[in-house]
Amino acid sequence: PWLVTKDEIPNPENLKIELRLNGKTMQASNTSNLIFGVAHLVSFLSKLMTLEPGDVIATGTPAGVGFVRKPPVFLRPGDKVEVEIEGLGILKNTVATKSAH
């Protein structure tokens, strides 16, 4: 993901969100589906703490959570997880085991 200016995201209340596991879409939603809108979340959190450039606000999860699927899907070491938000880019992570220390 990358930092963008306000003018690059004209409507943060309507951005596609997608989570892919090993290239397969597992969750797809939109910021328009949030219970509390983006502006409300930023306003609320900024009253509790100073938000800095690069901060990430986790908002919960849309439908498609692995453990409620039939059969359930759980992350395994080596899995590739990508989260994409329209206009903000893709955050990519590889699942790893907890280190011995």
PDB file of N, CA and C in Angstrom:
ATOM      1  N   PRO A   1       0.834  -1.197   0.000  1.00  0.00           N
ATOM      2  CA  PRO A   1       0.000   0.000   0.000  1.00  0.00           C
ATOM      3  C   PRO A   1       0.869   1.248   0.000  1.00  0.00           C
ATOM      4  N   TRP A   2       0.272   2.345  -0.346  1.00  0.00           N
ATOM      5  CA  TRP A   2       1.011   3.594  -0.384  1.00  0.00           C
ATOM      6  C   TRP A   2       0.165   4.704   0.196  1.00  0.00           C
ATOM      7  N   LEU A   3       0.838   5.791   0.561  1.00  0.00           N
ATOM      8  CA  LEU A   3       0.132   6.956   1.085  1.00  0.00           C
ATOM      9  C   LEU A   3      -0.431   7.747  -0.077  1.00  0.00           C
ATOM     10  N   VAL A   4      -1.612   8.258   0.094  1.00  0.00           N
ATOM     11  CA  VAL A   4      -2.236   9.086  -0.930  1.00  0.00           C
ATOM     12  C   VAL A   4      -2.764  10.350  -0.270  1.00  0.00           C
ATOM     13  N   THR A   5      -2.975  11.358  -1.085  1.00  0.00           N
ATOM     14  CA  THR A   5      -3.557  12.596  -0.577  1.00  0.00           C
ATOM     15  C   THR A   5      -5.068  12.544  -0.745  1.00  0.00           C
ATOM     16  N   LYS A   6      -5.742  13.401  -0.026  1.00  0.00           N
ATOM     17  CA  LYS A   6      -7.208  13.401  -0.018  1.00  0.00           C
ATOM     18  C   LYS A   6      -7.788  13.516  -1.432  1.00  0.00           C
ATOM     19  N   ASP A   7      -7.155  14.320  -2.288  1.00  0.00           N
ATOM     20  CA  ASP A   7      -7.685  14.511  -3.640  1.00  0.00           C
ATOM     21  C   ASP A   7      -7.565  13.251  -4.509  1.00  0.00           C
ATOM     22  N   GLU A   8      -6.719  12.294  -4.105  1.00  0.00           N
ATOM     23  CA  GLU A   8      -6.568  11.062  -4.873  1.00  0.00           C
ATOM     24  C   GLU A   8      -7.656  10.033  -4.541  1.00  0.00           C
ATOM     25  N   ILE A   9      -8.339  10.221  -3.437  1.00  0.00           N
ATOM     26  CA  ILE A   9      -9.450   9.347  -3.034  1.00  0.00           C
ATOM     27  C   ILE A   9     -10.672  10.247  -2.843  1.00  0.00           C
ATOM     28  N   PRO A  10     -11.378  10.559  -3.929  1.00  0.00           N
ATOM     29  CA  PRO A  10     -12.484  11.512  -3.818  1.00  0.00           C
ATOM     30  C   PRO A  10     -13.617  11.054  -2.906  1.00  0.00           C
ATOM     31  N   ASN A  11     -13.834   9.729  -2.806  1.00  0.00           N
ATOM     32  CA  ASN A  11     -14.915   9.242  -1.959  1.00  0.00           C
ATOM     33  C   ASN A  11     -14.463   8.012  -1.172  1.00  0.00           C
ATOM     34  N   PRO A  12     -13.851   8.210   0.008  1.00  0.00           N
ATOM     35  CA  PRO A  12     -13.404   7.062   0.798  1.00  0.00           C
ATOM     36  C   PRO A  12     -14.560   6.203   1.318  1.00  0.00           C
ATOM     37  N   GLU A  13     -15.775   6.700   1.194  1.00  0.00           N
ATOM     38  CA  GLU A  13     -16.948   5.949   1.654  1.00  0.00           C
ATOM     39  C   GLU A  13     -17.421   4.931   0.616  1.00  0.00           C
ATOM     40  N   ASN A  14     -16.671   4.800  -0.500  1.00  0.00           N
ATOM     41  CA  ASN A  14     -17.072   3.866  -1.552  1.00  0.00           C
ATOM     42  C   ASN A  14     -15.834   3.277  -2.232  1.00  0.00           C
ATOM     43  N   LEU A  15     -15.071   2.477  -1.481  1.00  0.00           N
ATOM     44  CA  LEU A  15     -13.867   1.837  -2.011  1.00  0.00           C
ATOM     45  C   LEU A  15     -14.014   0.320  -1.933  1.00  0.00           C
ATOM     46  N   LYS A  16     -13.648  -0.356  -3.014  1.00  0.00           N
ATOM     47  CA  LYS A  16     -13.676  -1.821  -3.011  1.00  0.00           C
ATOM     48  C   LYS A  16     -12.592  -2.349  -2.073  1.00  0.00           C
ATOM     49  N   ILE A  17     -12.920  -3.410  -1.348  1.00  0.00           N
ATOM     50  CA  ILE A  17     -11.986  -4.087  -0.446  1.00  0.00           C
ATOM     51  C   ILE A  17     -12.011  -5.570  -0.806  1.00  0.00           C
ATOM     52  N   GLU A  18     -10.830  -6.161  -0.944  1.00  0.00           N
ATOM     53  CA  GLU A  18     -10.781  -7.586  -1.281  1.00  0.00           C
ATOM     54  C   GLU A  18      -9.646  -8.259  -0.518  1.00  0.00           C
ATOM     55  N   LEU A  19      -9.914  -9.470  -0.029  1.00  0.00           N
ATOM     56  CA  LEU A  19      -8.880 -10.299   0.586  1.00  0.00           C
ATOM     57  C   LEU A  19      -8.736 -11.559  -0.245  1.00  0.00           C
ATOM     58  N   ARG A  20      -7.476 -11.858  -0.604  1.00  0.00           N
ATOM     59  CA  ARG A  20      -7.190 -13.063  -1.376  1.00  0.00           C
ATOM     60  C   ARG A  20      -6.261 -13.970  -0.574  1.00  0.00           C
ATOM     61  N   LEU A  21      -6.532 -15.251  -0.626  1.00  0.00           N
ATOM     62  CA  LEU A  21      -5.691 -16.269   0.003  1.00  0.00           C
ATOM     63  C   LEU A  21      -5.143 -17.145  -1.110  1.00  0.00           C
ATOM     64  N   ASN A  22      -3.828 -17.099  -1.269  1.00  0.00           N
ATOM     65  CA  ASN A  22      -3.166 -17.859  -2.343  1.00  0.00           C
ATOM     66  C   ASN A  22      -3.816 -17.582  -3.699  1.00  0.00           C
ATOM     67  N   GLY A  23      -4.159 -16.311  -3.933  1.00  0.00           N
ATOM     68  CA  GLY A  23      -4.719 -15.885  -5.210  1.00  0.00           C
ATOM     69  C   GLY A  23      -6.222 -16.034  -5.337  1.00  0.00           C
ATOM     70  N   LYS A  24      -6.874 -16.694  -4.403  1.00  0.00           N
ATOM     71  CA  LYS A  24      -8.328 -16.903  -4.464  1.00  0.00           C
ATOM     72  C   LYS A  24      -9.030 -15.855  -3.602  1.00  0.00           C
ATOM     73  N   THR A  25     -10.022 -15.181  -4.169  1.00  0.00           N
ATOM     74  CA  THR A  25     -10.782 -14.190  -3.408  1.00  0.00           C
ATOM     75  C   THR A  25     -11.601 -14.889  -2.333  1.00  0.00           C
ATOM     76  N   MET A  26     -11.360 -14.482  -1.095  1.00  0.00           N
ATOM     77  CA  MET A  26     -12.071 -15.056   0.050  1.00  0.00           C
ATOM     78  C   MET A  26     -13.092 -14.072   0.615  1.00  0.00           C
ATOM     79  N   GLN A  27     -12.792 -12.782   0.514  1.00  0.00           N
ATOM     80  CA  GLN A  27     -13.688 -11.751   1.017  1.00  0.00           C
ATOM     81  C   GLN A  27     -13.687 -10.596   0.021  1.00  0.00           C
ATOM     82  N   ALA A  28     -14.861 -10.054  -0.251  1.00  0.00           N
ATOM     83  CA  ALA A  28     -14.996  -8.901  -1.135  1.00  0.00           C
ATOM     84  C   ALA A  28     -16.105  -8.021  -0.573  1.00  0.00           C
ATOM     85  N   SER A  29     -15.794  -6.755  -0.392  1.00  0.00           N
ATOM     86  CA  SER A  29     -16.786  -5.840   0.163  1.00  0.00           C
ATOM     87  C   SER A  29     -16.479  -4.428  -0.312  1.00  0.00           C
ATOM     88  N   ASN A  30     -16.999  -3.461   0.400  1.00  0.00           N
ATOM     89  CA  ASN A  30     -16.844  -2.060   0.036  1.00  0.00           C
ATOM     90  C   ASN A  30     -16.929  -1.240   1.312  1.00  0.00           C
ATOM     91  N   THR A  31     -16.216  -0.135   1.363  1.00  0.00           N
ATOM     92  CA  THR A  31     -16.295   0.717   2.553  1.00  0.00           C
ATOM     93  C   THR A  31     -17.706   1.244   2.771  1.00  0.00           C
ATOM     94  N   SER A  32     -18.533   1.229   1.739  1.00  0.00           N
ATOM     95  CA  SER A  32     -19.930   1.663   1.905  1.00  0.00           C
ATOM     96  C   SER A  32     -20.711   0.698   2.799  1.00  0.00           C
ATOM     97  N   ASN A  33     -20.167  -0.487   3.032  1.00  0.00           N
ATOM     98  CA  ASN A  33     -20.836  -1.480   3.877  1.00  0.00           C
ATOM     99  C   ASN A  33     -20.417  -1.422   5.341  1.00  0.00           C
ATOM    100  N   LEU A  34     -19.495  -0.544   5.689  1.00  0.00           N
ATOM    101  CA  LEU A  34     -19.069  -0.422   7.085  1.00  0.00           C
ATOM    102  C   LEU A  34     -20.229   0.058   7.949  1.00  0.00           C
ATOM    103  N   ILE A  35     -20.309  -0.427   9.171  1.00  0.00           N
ATOM    104  CA  ILE A  35     -21.350   0.034  10.094  1.00  0.00           C
ATOM    105  C   ILE A  35     -21.150   1.510  10.397  1.00  0.00           C
ATOM    106  N   PHE A  36     -19.907   1.896  10.653  1.00  0.00           N
ATOM    107  CA  PHE A  36     -19.548   3.302  10.847  1.00  0.00           C
ATOM    108  C   PHE A  36     -18.690   3.705   9.660  1.00  0.00           C
ATOM    109  N   GLY A  37     -19.026   4.802   9.013  1.00  0.00           N
ATOM    110  CA  GLY A  37     -18.299   5.250   7.835  1.00  0.00           C
ATOM    111  C   GLY A  37     -16.859   5.636   8.132  1.00  0.00           C
ATOM    112  N   VAL A  38     -16.076   5.760   7.067  1.00  0.00           N
ATOM    113  CA  VAL A  38     -14.661   6.098   7.187  1.00  0.00           C
ATOM    114  C   VAL A  38     -14.482   7.430   7.908  1.00  0.00           C
ATOM    115  N   ALA A  39     -15.225   8.454   7.526  1.00  0.00           N
ATOM    116  CA  ALA A  39     -15.087   9.772   8.164  1.00  0.00           C
ATOM    117  C   ALA A  39     -15.397   9.690   9.656  1.00  0.00           C
ATOM    118  N   HIS A  40     -16.423   8.948  10.011  1.00  0.00           N
ATOM    119  CA  HIS A  40     -16.781   8.791  11.426  1.00  0.00           C
ATOM    120  C   HIS A  40     -15.661   8.090  12.193  1.00  0.00           C
ATOM    121  N   LEU A  41     -15.111   7.020  11.623  1.00  0.00           N
ATOM    122  CA  LEU A  41     -14.043   6.272  12.288  1.00  0.00           C
ATOM    123  C   LEU A  41     -12.807   7.139  12.517  1.00  0.00           C
ATOM    124  N   VAL A  42     -12.407   7.885  11.490  1.00  0.00           N
ATOM    125  CA  VAL A  42     -11.229   8.749  11.619  1.00  0.00           C
ATOM    126  C   VAL A  42     -11.484   9.827  12.660  1.00  0.00           C
ATOM    127  N   SER A  43     -12.658  10.428  12.640  1.00  0.00           N
ATOM    128  CA  SER A  43     -13.001  11.466  13.618  1.00  0.00           C
ATOM    129  C   SER A  43     -12.986  10.908  15.035  1.00  0.00           C
ATOM    130  N   PHE A  44     -13.629   9.776  15.229  1.00  0.00           N
ATOM    131  CA  PHE A  44     -13.700   9.163  16.559  1.00  0.00           C
ATOM    132  C   PHE A  44     -12.309   8.814  17.080  1.00  0.00           C
ATOM    133  N   LEU A  45     -11.519   8.139  16.260  1.00  0.00           N
ATOM    134  CA  LEU A  45     -10.186   7.718  16.700  1.00  0.00           C
ATOM    135  C   LEU A  45      -9.261   8.898  16.954  1.00  0.00           C
ATOM    136  N   SER A  46      -9.408   9.963  16.169  1.00  0.00           N
ATOM    137  CA  SER A  46      -8.525  11.120  16.356  1.00  0.00           C
ATOM    138  C   SER A  46      -8.834  11.864  17.649  1.00  0.00           C
ATOM    139  N   LYS A  47      -9.979  11.602  18.237  1.00  0.00           N
ATOM    140  CA  LYS A  47     -10.285  12.179  19.553  1.00  0.00           C
ATOM    141  C   LYS A  47      -9.628  11.373  20.669  1.00  0.00           C
ATOM    142  N   LEU A  48      -9.274  10.118  20.382  1.00  0.00           N
ATOM    143  CA  LEU A  48      -8.654   9.240  21.375  1.00  0.00           C
ATOM    144  C   LEU A  48      -7.132   9.223  21.285  1.00  0.00           C
ATOM    145  N   MET A  49      -6.613   9.472  20.086  1.00  0.00           N
ATOM    146  CA  MET A  49      -5.159   9.393  19.871  1.00  0.00           C
ATOM    147  C   MET A  49      -4.786  10.259  18.676  1.00  0.00           C
ATOM    148  N   THR A  50      -3.521  10.541  18.563  1.00  0.00           N
ATOM    149  CA  THR A  50      -3.029  11.276  17.404  1.00  0.00           C
ATOM    150  C   THR A  50      -2.792  10.286  16.273  1.00  0.00           C
ATOM    151  N   LEU A  51      -3.488  10.494  15.174  1.00  0.00           N
ATOM    152  CA  LEU A  51      -3.279   9.652  14.001  1.00  0.00           C
ATOM    153  C   LEU A  51      -2.136  10.245  13.185  1.00  0.00           C
ATOM    154  N   GLU A  52      -1.207   9.396  12.791  1.00  0.00           N
ATOM    155  CA  GLU A  52      -0.022   9.809  12.045  1.00  0.00           C
ATOM    156  C   GLU A  52      -0.085   9.248  10.626  1.00  0.00           C
ATOM    157  N   PRO A  53       0.599   9.907   9.675  1.00  0.00           N
ATOM    158  CA  PRO A  53       0.667   9.342   8.323  1.00  0.00           C
ATOM    159  C   PRO A  53       1.188   7.909   8.379  1.00  0.00           C
ATOM    160  N   GLY A  54       0.509   7.035   7.669  1.00  0.00           N
ATOM    161  CA  GLY A  54       0.908   5.630   7.652  1.00  0.00           C
ATOM    162  C   GLY A  54       0.168   4.758   8.645  1.00  0.00           C
ATOM    163  N   ASP A  55      -0.572   5.371   9.581  1.00  0.00           N
ATOM    164  CA  ASP A  55      -1.357   4.576  10.523  1.00  0.00           C
ATOM    165  C   ASP A  55      -2.403   3.755   9.768  1.00  0.00           C
ATOM    166  N   VAL A  56      -2.663   2.567  10.259  1.00  0.00           N
ATOM    167  CA  VAL A  56      -3.672   1.685   9.680  1.00  0.00           C
ATOM    168  C   VAL A  56      -4.810   1.555  10.681  1.00  0.00           C
ATOM    169  N   ILE A  57      -6.038   1.726  10.209  1.00  0.00           N
ATOM    170  CA  ILE A  57      -7.217   1.571  11.058  1.00  0.00           C
ATOM    171  C   ILE A  57      -7.890   0.255  10.658  1.00  0.00           C
ATOM    172  N   ALA A  58      -7.878  -0.704  11.566  1.00  0.00           N
ATOM    173  CA  ALA A  58      -8.536  -1.986  11.311  1.00  0.00           C
ATOM    174  C   ALA A  58     -10.012  -1.840  11.681  1.00  0.00           C
ATOM    175  N   THR A  59     -10.894  -2.248  10.770  1.00  0.00           N
ATOM    176  CA  THR A  59     -12.321  -1.982  10.961  1.00  0.00           C
ATOM    177  C   THR A  59     -13.172  -3.228  11.155  1.00  0.00           C
ATOM    178  N   GLY A  60     -12.558  -4.379  11.238  1.00  0.00           N
ATOM    179  CA  GLY A  60     -13.349  -5.596  11.349  1.00  0.00           C
ATOM    180  C   GLY A  60     -13.234  -6.403  10.074  1.00  0.00           C
ATOM    181  N   THR A  61     -14.178  -7.271   9.838  1.00  0.00           N
ATOM    182  CA  THR A  61     -14.067  -8.165   8.685  1.00  0.00           C
ATOM    183  C   THR A  61     -15.414  -8.347   7.989  1.00  0.00           C
ATOM    184  N   PRO A  62     -15.402  -8.385   6.657  1.00  0.00           N
ATOM    185  CA  PRO A  62     -16.639  -8.665   5.928  1.00  0.00           C
ATOM    186  C   PRO A  62     -16.922 -10.167   5.886  1.00  0.00           C
ATOM    187  N   ALA A  63     -18.009 -10.530   5.282  1.00  0.00           N
ATOM    188  CA  ALA A  63     -18.390 -11.941   5.147  1.00  0.00           C
ATOM    189  C   ALA A  63     -17.295 -12.722   4.438  1.00  0.00           C
ATOM    190  N   GLY A  64     -17.190 -13.994   4.778  1.00  0.00           N
ATOM    191  CA  GLY A  64     -16.233 -14.871   4.123  1.00  0.00           C
ATOM    192  C   GLY A  64     -15.135 -15.373   5.032  1.00  0.00           C
ATOM    193  N   VAL A  65     -15.274 -15.155   6.335  1.00  0.00           N
ATOM    194  CA  VAL A  65     -14.266 -15.590   7.300  1.00  0.00           C
ATOM    195  C   VAL A  65     -14.061 -17.099   7.175  1.00  0.00           C
ATOM    196  N   GLY A  66     -12.801 -17.519   7.210  1.00  0.00           N
ATOM    197  CA  GLY A  66     -12.444 -18.911   6.947  1.00  0.00           C
ATOM    198  C   GLY A  66     -13.102 -19.951   7.825  1.00  0.00           C
ATOM    199  N   PHE A  67     -13.195 -19.691   9.130  1.00  0.00           N
ATOM    200  CA  PHE A  67     -13.713 -20.742  10.024  1.00  0.00           C
ATOM    201  C   PHE A  67     -15.205 -20.987   9.863  1.00  0.00           C
ATOM    202  N   VAL A  68     -15.950 -20.079   9.222  1.00  0.00           N
ATOM    203  CA  VAL A  68     -17.386 -20.322   9.012  1.00  0.00           C
ATOM    204  C   VAL A  68     -17.673 -20.927   7.636  1.00  0.00           C
ATOM    205  N   ARG A  69     -16.645 -21.094   6.828  1.00  0.00           N
ATOM    206  CA  ARG A  69     -16.828 -21.722   5.521  1.00  0.00           C
ATOM    207  C   ARG A  69     -17.047 -23.223   5.691  1.00  0.00           C
ATOM    208  N   LYS A  70     -17.641 -23.829   4.685  1.00  0.00           N
ATOM    209  CA  LYS A  70     -17.878 -25.270   4.697  1.00  0.00           C
ATOM    210  C   LYS A  70     -17.117 -25.878   3.526  1.00  0.00           C
ATOM    211  N   PRO A  71     -16.045 -26.590   3.731  1.00  0.00           N
ATOM    212  CA  PRO A  71     -15.361 -26.844   5.001  1.00  0.00           C
ATOM    213  C   PRO A  71     -14.595 -25.604   5.463  1.00  0.00           C
ATOM    214  N   PRO A  72     -14.257 -25.540   6.748  1.00  0.00           N
ATOM    215  CA  PRO A  72     -13.517 -24.394   7.276  1.00  0.00           C
ATOM    216  C   PRO A  72     -12.158 -24.241   6.586  1.00  0.00           C
ATOM    217  N   VAL A  73     -11.707 -23.001   6.484  1.00  0.00           N
ATOM    218  CA  VAL A  73     -10.402 -22.691   5.896  1.00  0.00           C
ATOM    219  C   VAL A  73      -9.569 -21.991   6.961  1.00  0.00           C
ATOM    220  N   PHE A  74      -8.392 -22.530   7.245  1.00  0.00           N
ATOM    221  CA  PHE A  74      -7.484 -21.934   8.221  1.00  0.00           C
ATOM    222  C   PHE A  74      -6.159 -21.615   7.538  1.00  0.00           C
ATOM    223  N   LEU A  75      -5.499 -20.570   8.010  1.00  0.00           N
ATOM    224  CA  LEU A  75      -4.205 -20.195   7.446  1.00  0.00           C
ATOM    225  C   LEU A  75      -3.148 -21.217   7.826  1.00  0.00           C
ATOM    226  N   ARG A  76      -2.215 -21.446   6.883  1.00  0.00           N
ATOM    227  CA  ARG A  76      -1.114 -22.389   7.106  1.00  0.00           C
ATOM    228  C   ARG A  76       0.201 -21.707   6.748  1.00  0.00           C
ATOM    229  N   PRO A  77       1.296 -22.138   7.373  1.00  0.00           N
ATOM    230  CA  PRO A  77       2.592 -21.559   7.013  1.00  0.00           C
ATOM    231  C   PRO A  77       2.822 -21.632   5.501  1.00  0.00           C
ATOM    232  N   GLY A  78       3.284 -20.528   4.948  1.00  0.00           N
ATOM    233  CA  GLY A  78       3.528 -20.453   3.512  1.00  0.00           C
ATOM    234  C   GLY A  78       2.385 -19.847   2.724  1.00  0.00           C
ATOM    235  N   ASP A  79       1.178 -19.790   3.305  1.00  0.00           N
ATOM    236  CA  ASP A  79       0.049 -19.165   2.615  1.00  0.00           C
ATOM    237  C   ASP A  79       0.365 -17.702   2.321  1.00  0.00           C
ATOM    238  N   LYS A  80      -0.124 -17.226   1.186  1.00  0.00           N
ATOM    239  CA  LYS A  80       0.034 -15.826   0.789  1.00  0.00           C
ATOM    240  C   LYS A  80      -1.310 -15.125   0.974  1.00  0.00           C
ATOM    241  N   VAL A  81      -1.321 -14.067   1.781  1.00  0.00           N
ATOM    242  CA  VAL A  81      -2.537 -13.303   2.053  1.00  0.00           C
ATOM    243  C   VAL A  81      -2.357 -11.902   1.481  1.00  0.00           C
ATOM    244  N   GLU A  82      -3.309 -11.466   0.673  1.00  0.00           N
ATOM    245  CA  GLU A  82      -3.275 -10.126   0.092  1.00  0.00           C
ATOM    246  C   GLU A  82      -4.563  -9.400   0.446  1.00  0.00           C
ATOM    247  N   VAL A  83      -4.423  -8.170   0.913  1.00  0.00           N
ATOM    248  CA  VAL A  83      -5.574  -7.310   1.166  1.00  0.00           C
ATOM    249  C   VAL A  83      -5.434  -6.107   0.247  1.00  0.00           C
ATOM    250  N   GLU A  84      -6.452  -5.865  -0.562  1.00  0.00           N
ATOM    251  CA  GLU A  84      -6.413  -4.743  -1.500  1.00  0.00           C
ATOM    252  C   GLU A  84      -7.561  -3.792  -1.206  1.00  0.00           C
ATOM    253  N   ILE A  85      -7.228  -2.512  -1.136  1.00  0.00           N
ATOM    254  CA  ILE A  85      -8.245  -1.470  -1.021  1.00  0.00           C
ATOM    255  C   ILE A  85      -8.070  -0.561  -2.230  1.00  0.00           C
ATOM    256  N   GLU A  86      -9.138  -0.388  -2.962  1.00  0.00           N
ATOM    257  CA  GLU A  86      -9.135   0.410  -4.177  1.00  0.00           C
ATOM    258  C   GLU A  86      -8.450   1.761  -3.945  1.00  0.00           C
ATOM    259  N   GLY A  87      -7.476   2.071  -4.766  1.00  0.00           N
ATOM    260  CA  GLY A  87      -6.788   3.354  -4.690  1.00  0.00           C
ATOM    261  C   GLY A  87      -5.666   3.420  -3.670  1.00  0.00           C
ATOM    262  N   LEU A  88      -5.580   2.416  -2.787  1.00  0.00           N
ATOM    263  CA  LEU A  88      -4.542   2.421  -1.747  1.00  0.00           C
ATOM    264  C   LEU A  88      -3.488   1.344  -1.963  1.00  0.00           C
ATOM    265  N   GLY A  89      -3.750   0.374  -2.808  1.00  0.00           N
ATOM    266  CA  GLY A  89      -2.775  -0.655  -3.096  1.00  0.00           C
ATOM    267  C   GLY A  89      -3.073  -1.980  -2.431  1.00  0.00           C
ATOM    268  N   ILE A  90      -2.049  -2.829  -2.422  1.00  0.00           N
ATOM    269  CA  ILE A  90      -2.180  -4.200  -1.928  1.00  0.00           C
ATOM    270  C   ILE A  90      -1.153  -4.441  -0.828  1.00  0.00           C
ATOM    271  N   LEU A  91      -1.617  -4.946   0.304  1.00  0.00           N
ATOM    272  CA  LEU A  91      -0.747  -5.365   1.398  1.00  0.00           C
ATOM    273  C   LEU A  91      -0.594  -6.877   1.288  1.00  0.00           C
ATOM    274  N   LYS A  92       0.650  -7.343   1.135  1.00  0.00           N
ATOM    275  CA  LYS A  92       0.918  -8.770   0.946  1.00  0.00           C
ATOM    276  C   LYS A  92       1.685  -9.310   2.144  1.00  0.00           C
ATOM    277  N   ASN A  93       1.240 -10.457   2.648  1.00  0.00           N
ATOM    278  CA  ASN A  93       1.906 -11.117   3.769  1.00  0.00           C
ATOM    279  C   ASN A  93       1.984 -12.611   3.506  1.00  0.00           C
ATOM    280  N   THR A  94       3.068 -13.205   3.982  1.00  0.00           N
ATOM    281  CA  THR A  94       3.223 -14.653   3.943  1.00  0.00           C
ATOM    282  C   THR A  94       3.076 -15.167   5.364  1.00  0.00           C
ATOM    283  N   VAL A  95       2.222 -16.168   5.542  1.00  0.00           N
ATOM    284  CA  VAL A  95       1.991 -16.742   6.867  1.00  0.00           C
ATOM    285  C   VAL A  95       3.231 -17.540   7.274  1.00  0.00           C
ATOM    286  N   ALA A  96       3.670 -17.332   8.518  1.00  0.00           N
ATOM    287  CA  ALA A  96       4.840 -18.041   9.046  1.00  0.00           C
ATOM    288  C   ALA A  96       4.507 -18.624  10.410  1.00  0.00           C
ATOM    289  N   THR A  97       5.275 -19.605  10.818  1.00  0.00           N
ATOM    290  CA  THR A  97       5.095 -20.167  12.154  1.00  0.00           C
ATOM    291  C   THR A  97       5.732 -19.239  13.176  1.00  0.00           C
ATOM    292  N   LYS A  98       5.271 -19.323  14.395  1.00  0.00           N
ATOM    293  CA  LYS A  98       5.843 -18.531  15.476  1.00  0.00           C
ATOM    294  C   LYS A  98       7.260 -19.028  15.743  1.00  0.00           C
ATOM    295  N   SER A  99       8.191 -18.092  15.899  1.00  0.00           N
ATOM    296  CA  SER A  99       9.582 -18.495  16.124  1.00  0.00           C
ATOM    297  C   SER A  99       9.736 -19.161  17.490  1.00  0.00           C
ATOM    298  N   ALA A 100      10.804 -19.904  17.643  1.00  0.00           N
ATOM    299  CA  ALA A 100      11.033 -20.650  18.882  1.00  0.00           C
ATOM    300  C   ALA A 100      11.370 -19.751  20.055  1.00  0.00           C
ATOM    301  N   HIS A 101      11.771 -18.506  19.830  1.00  0.00           N
ATOM    302  CA  HIS A 101      12.111 -17.653  20.963  1.00  0.00           C
ATOM    303  C   HIS A 101      11.009 -16.732  21.169  1.00  0.00           C
TER     304      HIS A 101
END
